[in-house]
Amino acid sequence: MNIRLNGEPAQTAAQTLHELLEGLGYDEDARIATAVNGDFVPASRRAECKLNGNDEIEILAPRQGG
């Protein structure tokens, strides 16, 4: 299915946010924030968060710096 990942067009066969993150190489301990269509999805709900075509997914990771 076609999605937008961090603002860029992407394709995935993942059915859930958890599956998408696994496919991108994020493990369950990854310190990231996720949102689907502008709604925050906590880590505890990623496995039940179903993806649909044209969803907009944001993955944010903290960065060090000043």
C-alpha atoms as a PDB file:
ATOM      1  CA  MET A   1       0.000   0.000   0.000  1.00  0.00           C
ATOM      2  CA  ASN A   2       1.055   3.591  -0.514  1.00  0.00           C
ATOM      3  CA  ILE A   3       1.746   5.712   2.570  1.00  0.00           C
ATOM      4  CA  ARG A   4       3.643   8.879   3.417  1.00  0.00           C
ATOM      5  CA  LEU A   5       6.539   8.306   5.786  1.00  0.00           C
ATOM      6  CA  ASN A   6       8.008  11.426   7.354  1.00  0.00           C
ATOM      7  CA  GLY A   7       6.567  13.453   4.495  1.00  0.00           C
ATOM      8  CA  GLU A   8       7.899  11.231   1.706  1.00  0.00           C
ATOM      9  CA  PRO A   9       5.949   8.761  -0.444  1.00  0.00           C
ATOM     10  CA  ALA A  10       6.621   5.137   0.518  1.00  0.00           C
ATOM     11  CA  GLN A  11       5.206   1.682  -0.033  1.00  0.00           C
ATOM     12  CA  THR A  12       4.717  -1.026   2.574  1.00  0.00           C
ATOM     13  CA  ALA A  13       3.121  -4.410   3.013  1.00  0.00           C
ATOM     14  CA  ALA A  14       2.911  -3.840   6.787  1.00  0.00           C
ATOM     15  CA  GLN A  15      -0.566  -4.114   8.252  1.00  0.00           C
ATOM     16  CA  THR A  16       0.245  -2.405  11.573  1.00  0.00           C
ATOM     17  CA  LEU A  17       2.513   0.366  12.775  1.00  0.00           C
ATOM     18  CA  HIS A  18       4.528  -2.211  14.712  1.00  0.00           C
ATOM     19  CA  GLU A  19       5.139  -4.237  11.533  1.00  0.00           C
ATOM     20  CA  LEU A  20       6.196  -1.088   9.675  1.00  0.00           C
ATOM     21  CA  LEU A  21       8.682  -0.155  12.387  1.00  0.00           C
ATOM     22  CA  GLU A  22      10.130  -3.673  12.432  1.00  0.00           C
ATOM     23  CA  GLY A  23      10.542  -3.544   8.660  1.00  0.00           C
ATOM     24  CA  LEU A  24      12.407  -0.256   9.003  1.00  0.00           C
ATOM     25  CA  GLY A  25      14.817  -1.789  11.528  1.00  0.00           C
ATOM     26  CA  TYR A  26      13.413  -0.337  14.751  1.00  0.00           C
ATOM     27  CA  ASP A  27      13.307  -2.778  17.639  1.00  0.00           C
ATOM     28  CA  GLU A  28      10.848  -2.661  20.529  1.00  0.00           C
ATOM     29  CA  ASP A  29      13.347  -0.764  22.694  1.00  0.00           C
ATOM     30  CA  ALA A  30      13.855   2.046  20.174  1.00  0.00           C
ATOM     31  CA  ARG A  31      13.327   5.449  21.752  1.00  0.00           C
ATOM     32  CA  ILE A  32      11.084   7.008  19.149  1.00  0.00           C
ATOM     33  CA  ALA A  33       7.766   8.810  18.985  1.00  0.00           C
ATOM     34  CA  THR A  34       5.201   7.829  16.377  1.00  0.00           C
ATOM     35  CA  ALA A  35       2.111   9.442  14.901  1.00  0.00           C
ATOM     36  CA  VAL A  36      -0.403   8.271  12.311  1.00  0.00           C
ATOM     37  CA  ASN A  37      -2.405  10.966  10.520  1.00  0.00           C
ATOM     38  CA  GLY A  38      -1.335  13.493  13.136  1.00  0.00           C
ATOM     39  CA  ASP A  39      -2.398  11.383  16.138  1.00  0.00           C
ATOM     40  CA  PHE A  40       0.290  10.280  18.609  1.00  0.00           C
ATOM     41  CA  VAL A  41       0.543   6.489  18.912  1.00  0.00           C
ATOM     42  CA  PRO A  42       2.203   5.306  22.151  1.00  0.00           C
ATOM     43  CA  ALA A  43       4.535   2.306  22.008  1.00  0.00           C
ATOM     44  CA  SER A  44       1.976   0.171  23.846  1.00  0.00           C
ATOM     45  CA  ARG A  45      -0.570   0.646  21.017  1.00  0.00           C
ATOM     46  CA  ARG A  46       1.625   0.252  17.923  1.00  0.00           C
ATOM     47  CA  ALA A  47       0.802  -3.454  17.441  1.00  0.00           C
ATOM     48  CA  GLU A  48      -2.932  -2.707  17.321  1.00  0.00           C
ATOM     49  CA  CYS A  49      -2.625   0.417  15.165  1.00  0.00           C
ATOM     50  CA  LYS A  50      -3.826  -0.713  11.717  1.00  0.00           C
ATOM     51  CA  LEU A  51      -2.402   1.038   8.667  1.00  0.00           C
ATOM     52  CA  ASN A  52      -4.464   2.084   5.651  1.00  0.00           C
ATOM     53  CA  GLY A  53      -3.514   3.330   2.214  1.00  0.00           C
ATOM     54  CA  ASN A  54      -2.503   7.004   2.136  1.00  0.00           C
ATOM     55  CA  ASP A  55      -1.857   7.141   5.904  1.00  0.00           C
ATOM     56  CA  GLU A  56       0.707   9.714   6.979  1.00  0.00           C
ATOM     57  CA  ILE A  57       3.199   8.226   9.432  1.00  0.00           C
ATOM     58  CA  GLU A  58       5.727  10.267  11.369  1.00  0.00           C
ATOM     59  CA  ILE A  59       8.641   8.702  13.217  1.00  0.00           C
ATOM     60  CA  LEU A  60      10.629  11.025  15.434  1.00  0.00           C
ATOM     61  CA  ALA A  61      13.838  10.188  17.288  1.00  0.00           C
ATOM     62  CA  PRO A  62      15.535  12.429  19.842  1.00  0.00           C
ATOM     63  CA  ARG A  63      18.808  13.988  18.758  1.00  0.00           C
ATOM     64  CA  GLN A  64      21.596  15.389  20.854  1.00  0.00           C
ATOM     65  CA  GLY A  65      22.928  18.819  20.220  1.00  0.00           C
ATOM     66  CA  GLY A  66      22.494  22.343  21.262  1.00  0.00           C
END
